[in-house]
Amino acid sequence: MVVDVFRREEAERLLVDGSIDMKEIAYRLGFADQSAFSRAFRRWTLMAPRTWLAQRSSLTPAASPAMLAAQDK
């Protein structure tokens, strides 16, 4: 579904950016609450948002958020 693809990509971008918290990410993406967002993120990636972010950060410790976002394209 197109909406899920957008939501996942935007969620990943916002998580990597790090300037807003998960509650705000959930709100911006149209989820009822943070737990609904977390469930959807687990469905998309098979891991919790914080786990995904920590794993991604450990793979590229010197990379900036802008560099990480560019790698996704």
C-alpha atoms as a PDB file:
ATOM      1  CA  MET A   1       0.000   0.000   0.000  1.00  0.00           C
ATOM      2  CA  VAL A   2       1.314   3.430  -0.977  1.00  0.00           C
ATOM      3  CA  VAL A   3       0.461   5.016   2.375  1.00  0.00           C
ATOM      4  CA  ASP A   4       2.471   2.378   4.252  1.00  0.00           C
ATOM      5  CA  VAL A   5       5.484   2.918   1.989  1.00  0.00           C
ATOM      6  CA  PHE A   6       5.337   6.676   2.587  1.00  0.00           C
ATOM      7  CA  ARG A   7       4.850   6.260   6.328  1.00  0.00           C
ATOM      8  CA  ARG A   8       7.776   3.859   6.631  1.00  0.00           C
ATOM      9  CA  GLU A   9      10.149   6.023   4.619  1.00  0.00           C
ATOM     10  CA  GLU A  10       9.110   9.170   6.473  1.00  0.00           C
ATOM     11  CA  ALA A  11       9.355   7.412   9.853  1.00  0.00           C
ATOM     12  CA  GLU A  12      12.892   6.280   9.054  1.00  0.00           C
ATOM     13  CA  ARG A  13      13.848   9.774   7.884  1.00  0.00           C
ATOM     14  CA  LEU A  14      12.432  11.403  11.017  1.00  0.00           C
ATOM     15  CA  LEU A  15      14.073   8.868  13.322  1.00  0.00           C
ATOM     16  CA  VAL A  16      17.468   9.406  11.708  1.00  0.00           C
ATOM     17  CA  ASP A  17      17.005  13.177  11.827  1.00  0.00           C
ATOM     18  CA  GLY A  18      16.568  12.911  15.594  1.00  0.00           C
ATOM     19  CA  SER A  19      15.066  16.361  16.093  1.00  0.00           C
ATOM     20  CA  ILE A  20      11.607  15.189  17.230  1.00  0.00           C
ATOM     21  CA  ASP A  21      10.436  12.497  19.624  1.00  0.00           C
ATOM     22  CA  MET A  22       8.485   9.371  18.720  1.00  0.00           C
ATOM     23  CA  LYS A  23       5.202  10.733  19.980  1.00  0.00           C
ATOM     24  CA  GLU A  24       5.527  13.604  17.491  1.00  0.00           C
ATOM     25  CA  ILE A  25       6.565  11.222  14.697  1.00  0.00           C
ATOM     26  CA  ALA A  26       3.455   9.129  15.377  1.00  0.00           C
ATOM     27  CA  TYR A  27       1.284  12.249  15.265  1.00  0.00           C
ATOM     28  CA  ARG A  28       2.861  13.560  12.043  1.00  0.00           C
ATOM     29  CA  LEU A  29       2.337  10.219  10.325  1.00  0.00           C
ATOM     30  CA  GLY A  30      -1.304  10.005  11.358  1.00  0.00           C
ATOM     31  CA  PHE A  31      -1.157   7.282  13.995  1.00  0.00           C
ATOM     32  CA  ALA A  32      -3.578   7.383  16.925  1.00  0.00           C
ATOM     33  CA  ASP A  33      -0.714   7.175  19.415  1.00  0.00           C
ATOM     34  CA  GLN A  34       2.897   6.159  19.849  1.00  0.00           C
ATOM     35  CA  SER A  35       2.073   2.499  20.467  1.00  0.00           C
ATOM     36  CA  ALA A  36       0.180   2.271  17.164  1.00  0.00           C
ATOM     37  CA  PHE A  37       3.202   3.766  15.410  1.00  0.00           C
ATOM     38  CA  SER A  38       5.554   1.328  17.160  1.00  0.00           C
ATOM     39  CA  ARG A  39       3.408  -1.653  16.123  1.00  0.00           C
ATOM     40  CA  ALA A  40       3.386  -0.502  12.503  1.00  0.00           C
ATOM     41  CA  PHE A  41       7.160   0.096  12.572  1.00  0.00           C
ATOM     42  CA  ARG A  42       7.712  -3.421  13.920  1.00  0.00           C
ATOM     43  CA  ARG A  43       5.545  -4.793  11.119  1.00  0.00           C
ATOM     44  CA  TRP A  44       7.633  -2.931   8.528  1.00  0.00           C
ATOM     45  CA  THR A  45      11.109  -3.609   9.915  1.00  0.00           C
ATOM     46  CA  LEU A  46      10.696  -6.514  12.345  1.00  0.00           C
ATOM     47  CA  MET A  47      12.156  -4.369  15.150  1.00  0.00           C
ATOM     48  CA  ALA A  48      11.163  -1.553  17.459  1.00  0.00           C
ATOM     49  CA  PRO A  49      11.912   2.002  16.286  1.00  0.00           C
ATOM     50  CA  ARG A  50      14.572   2.583  18.965  1.00  0.00           C
ATOM     51  CA  THR A  51      16.224  -0.750  18.177  1.00  0.00           C
ATOM     52  CA  TRP A  52      16.214   0.047  14.448  1.00  0.00           C
ATOM     53  CA  LEU A  53      17.739   3.450  15.109  1.00  0.00           C
ATOM     54  CA  ALA A  54      20.402   2.072  17.450  1.00  0.00           C
ATOM     55  CA  GLN A  55      21.326  -0.634  14.962  1.00  0.00           C
ATOM     56  CA  ARG A  56      21.491   1.849  12.118  1.00  0.00           C
ATOM     57  CA  SER A  57      23.579   4.254  14.206  1.00  0.00           C
ATOM     58  CA  SER A  58      26.032   1.528  15.137  1.00  0.00           C
ATOM     59  CA  LEU A  59      26.583   0.716  11.459  1.00  0.00           C
ATOM     60  CA  THR A  60      27.595   4.264  10.546  1.00  0.00           C
ATOM     61  CA  PRO A  61      28.826   6.037  13.689  1.00  0.00           C
ATOM     62  CA  ALA A  62      30.570   8.876  11.854  1.00  0.00           C
ATOM     63  CA  ALA A  63      27.757   9.565   9.399  1.00  0.00           C
ATOM     64  CA  SER A  64      25.524  12.579   9.797  1.00  0.00           C
ATOM     65  CA  PRO A  65      21.727  12.305   9.538  1.00  0.00           C
ATOM     66  CA  ALA A  66      21.877  14.004   6.136  1.00  0.00           C
ATOM     67  CA  MET A  67      24.365  11.416   4.877  1.00  0.00           C
ATOM     68  CA  LEU A  68      22.193   8.583   6.165  1.00  0.00           C
ATOM     69  CA  ALA A  69      19.097  10.032   4.502  1.00  0.00           C
ATOM     70  CA  ALA A  70      20.971  10.338   1.205  1.00  0.00           C
ATOM     71  CA  GLN A  71      21.944   6.649   1.401  1.00  0.00           C
ATOM     72  CA  ASP A  72      18.265   5.679   1.441  1.00  0.00           C
ATOM     73  CA  LYS A  73      17.622   7.168  -1.983  1.00  0.00           C
END
